[in-house]
Each structure stands twice: as structure tokens, then as C-alpha cells.
Amino acid sequence: MLGAVCQMETRTTSFEVPSTLWSEERERLLAARVDQLGLKIEGTRLEPLVDQLYAELEHAGIDVKLIERIVETAMARDLR
């Protein structure tokens, strides 16, 4: 729908973005890999939850570092 407007809110303000620009941005974000988005967990509300997840996995005897190495290896192969 040409000329429509999408409303977006941030913590400090809300603003309007023309839907054509939002559609392009949405497609760009959906096409990107998560590791390309520059997202960080440190300092967010997710950080304590991720820490709890790692603690529970470790308590269950799951080697999280091994899983991380496997994922990193698979991702490195995908990038070739």
C-alpha cells in the first residue's frame, strides 16, 4: 500500500517511517544473519537470563563450550 506509514517507537521518541522504506529495511534485516546485525546481550535484560541458561546447562552436565565450538565451526563453513 503506497503512501502508508508505519509507526515505530523507541525508548525516547516515536516517529513515522514511510512503509516503502520500512519494507526495504525489513527485507534487509530478514536477509541478514543474526551475527551480522551487531546485536549484543551484555548490559541488556537478557544477560541474566542467558547466564541462568548457561548455569542450568552446566549443572545438567552439558558442555556449553563444546556446543559453541561446533556452532562456530559450522558458521565458518557457511561463510566460505
C-alpha atoms as a PDB file:
ATOM      1  CA  MET A   1       0.000   0.000   0.000  1.00  0.00           C
ATOM      2  CA  LEU A   2       1.859   3.030  -1.290  1.00  0.00           C
ATOM      3  CA  GLY A   3       1.929   6.117   0.863  1.00  0.00           C
ATOM      4  CA  ALA A   4       1.055   4.267   4.052  1.00  0.00           C
ATOM      5  CA  VAL A   5       3.039   4.987   7.174  1.00  0.00           C
ATOM      6  CA  CYS A   6       4.368   2.609   9.807  1.00  0.00           C
ATOM      7  CA  GLN A   7       4.686   3.924  13.332  1.00  0.00           C
ATOM      8  CA  MET A   8       7.797   2.957  15.249  1.00  0.00           C
ATOM      9  CA  GLU A   9       8.593   3.664  18.873  1.00  0.00           C
ATOM     10  CA  THR A  10      11.934   3.867  20.572  1.00  0.00           C
ATOM     11  CA  ARG A  11      12.628   4.422  24.243  1.00  0.00           C
ATOM     12  CA  THR A  12      12.964   8.153  23.748  1.00  0.00           C
ATOM     13  CA  THR A  13      10.540   9.011  20.989  1.00  0.00           C
ATOM     14  CA  SER A  14       8.154   7.734  18.377  1.00  0.00           C
ATOM     15  CA  PHE A  15       8.386   8.557  14.724  1.00  0.00           C
ATOM     16  CA  GLU A  16       6.788   7.606  11.451  1.00  0.00           C
ATOM     17  CA  VAL A  17       8.565   5.774   8.644  1.00  0.00           C
ATOM     18  CA  PRO A  18       7.059   5.542   5.159  1.00  0.00           C
ATOM     19  CA  SER A  19       6.009   1.943   4.559  1.00  0.00           C
ATOM     20  CA  THR A  20       8.153   1.668   1.412  1.00  0.00           C
ATOM     21  CA  LEU A  21      11.278   2.437   3.450  1.00  0.00           C
ATOM     22  CA  TRP A  22      10.184   0.039   6.191  1.00  0.00           C
ATOM     23  CA  SER A  23       9.581  -2.738   3.630  1.00  0.00           C
ATOM     24  CA  GLU A  24      13.102  -2.337   2.279  1.00  0.00           C
ATOM     25  CA  GLU A  25      14.597  -2.295   5.785  1.00  0.00           C
ATOM     26  CA  ARG A  26      12.532  -5.310   6.815  1.00  0.00           C
ATOM     27  CA  GLU A  27      13.764  -7.297   3.818  1.00  0.00           C
ATOM     28  CA  ARG A  28      17.365  -6.296   4.559  1.00  0.00           C
ATOM     29  CA  LEU A  29      17.034  -7.401   8.188  1.00  0.00           C
ATOM     30  CA  LEU A  30      15.360 -10.683   7.280  1.00  0.00           C
ATOM     31  CA  ALA A  31      18.107 -11.473   4.761  1.00  0.00           C
ATOM     32  CA  ALA A  32      20.901 -10.800   7.270  1.00  0.00           C
ATOM     33  CA  ARG A  33      22.439 -13.397   9.515  1.00  0.00           C
ATOM     34  CA  VAL A  34      21.975 -12.748  13.223  1.00  0.00           C
ATOM     35  CA  ASP A  35      25.732 -12.392  13.710  1.00  0.00           C
ATOM     36  CA  GLN A  36      25.764  -9.613  11.085  1.00  0.00           C
ATOM     37  CA  LEU A  37      23.281  -7.409  12.956  1.00  0.00           C
ATOM     38  CA  GLY A  38      25.710  -6.184  15.603  1.00  0.00           C
ATOM     39  CA  LEU A  39      23.416  -7.196  18.455  1.00  0.00           C
ATOM     40  CA  LYS A  40      24.798  -7.552  21.964  1.00  0.00           C
ATOM     41  CA  ILE A  41      23.329  -9.273  25.022  1.00  0.00           C
ATOM     42  CA  GLU A  42      25.718  -7.685  27.512  1.00  0.00           C
ATOM     43  CA  GLY A  43      24.040  -4.964  29.535  1.00  0.00           C
ATOM     44  CA  THR A  44      20.500  -5.888  28.455  1.00  0.00           C
ATOM     45  CA  ARG A  45      17.681  -7.577  30.342  1.00  0.00           C
ATOM     46  CA  LEU A  46      18.594 -10.779  28.512  1.00  0.00           C
ATOM     47  CA  GLU A  47      22.042 -11.055  30.068  1.00  0.00           C
ATOM     48  CA  PRO A  48      20.932 -12.556  33.432  1.00  0.00           C
ATOM     49  CA  LEU A  49      18.605 -14.967  31.621  1.00  0.00           C
ATOM     50  CA  VAL A  50      21.395 -16.177  29.357  1.00  0.00           C
ATOM     51  CA  ASP A  51      23.675 -16.539  32.396  1.00  0.00           C
ATOM     52  CA  GLN A  52      20.978 -18.623  34.086  1.00  0.00           C
ATOM     53  CA  LEU A  53      20.628 -20.791  30.965  1.00  0.00           C
ATOM     54  CA  TYR A  54      24.377 -21.449  30.881  1.00  0.00           C
ATOM     55  CA  ALA A  55      24.365 -22.297  34.607  1.00  0.00           C
ATOM     56  CA  GLU A  56      21.485 -24.740  34.177  1.00  0.00           C
ATOM     57  CA  LEU A  57      23.128 -26.391  31.168  1.00  0.00           C
ATOM     58  CA  GLU A  58      26.389 -26.748  33.077  1.00  0.00           C
ATOM     59  CA  HIS A  59      24.535 -28.172  36.086  1.00  0.00           C
ATOM     60  CA  ALA A  60      22.910 -30.737  33.757  1.00  0.00           C
ATOM     61  CA  GLY A  61      26.356 -31.767  32.535  1.00  0.00           C
ATOM     62  CA  ILE A  62      26.027 -30.227  29.088  1.00  0.00           C
ATOM     63  CA  ASP A  63      29.335 -28.905  27.742  1.00  0.00           C
ATOM     64  CA  VAL A  64      28.328 -25.472  26.508  1.00  0.00           C
ATOM     65  CA  LYS A  65      31.822 -24.631  25.270  1.00  0.00           C
ATOM     66  CA  LEU A  66      31.787 -27.722  23.036  1.00  0.00           C
ATOM     67  CA  ILE A  67      28.430 -26.670  21.588  1.00  0.00           C
ATOM     68  CA  GLU A  68      29.789 -23.160  20.963  1.00  0.00           C
ATOM     69  CA  ARG A  69      32.815 -24.585  19.120  1.00  0.00           C
ATOM     70  CA  ILE A  70      30.592 -26.806  16.975  1.00  0.00           C
ATOM     71  CA  VAL A  71      28.333 -23.865  16.071  1.00  0.00           C
ATOM     72  CA  GLU A  72      31.297 -21.590  15.315  1.00  0.00           C
ATOM     73  CA  THR A  73      32.827 -24.272  13.088  1.00  0.00           C
ATOM     74  CA  ALA A  74      29.546 -24.742  11.216  1.00  0.00           C
ATOM     75  CA  MET A  75      29.160 -20.985  10.783  1.00  0.00           C
ATOM     76  CA  ALA A  76      32.721 -20.658   9.493  1.00  0.00           C
ATOM     77  CA  ARG A  77      31.983 -23.332   6.878  1.00  0.00           C
ATOM     78  CA  ASP A  78      28.811 -21.472   5.818  1.00  0.00           C
ATOM     79  CA  LEU A  79      30.811 -18.299   5.261  1.00  0.00           C
ATOM     80  CA  ARG A  80      33.147 -19.947   2.737  1.00  0.00           C
END
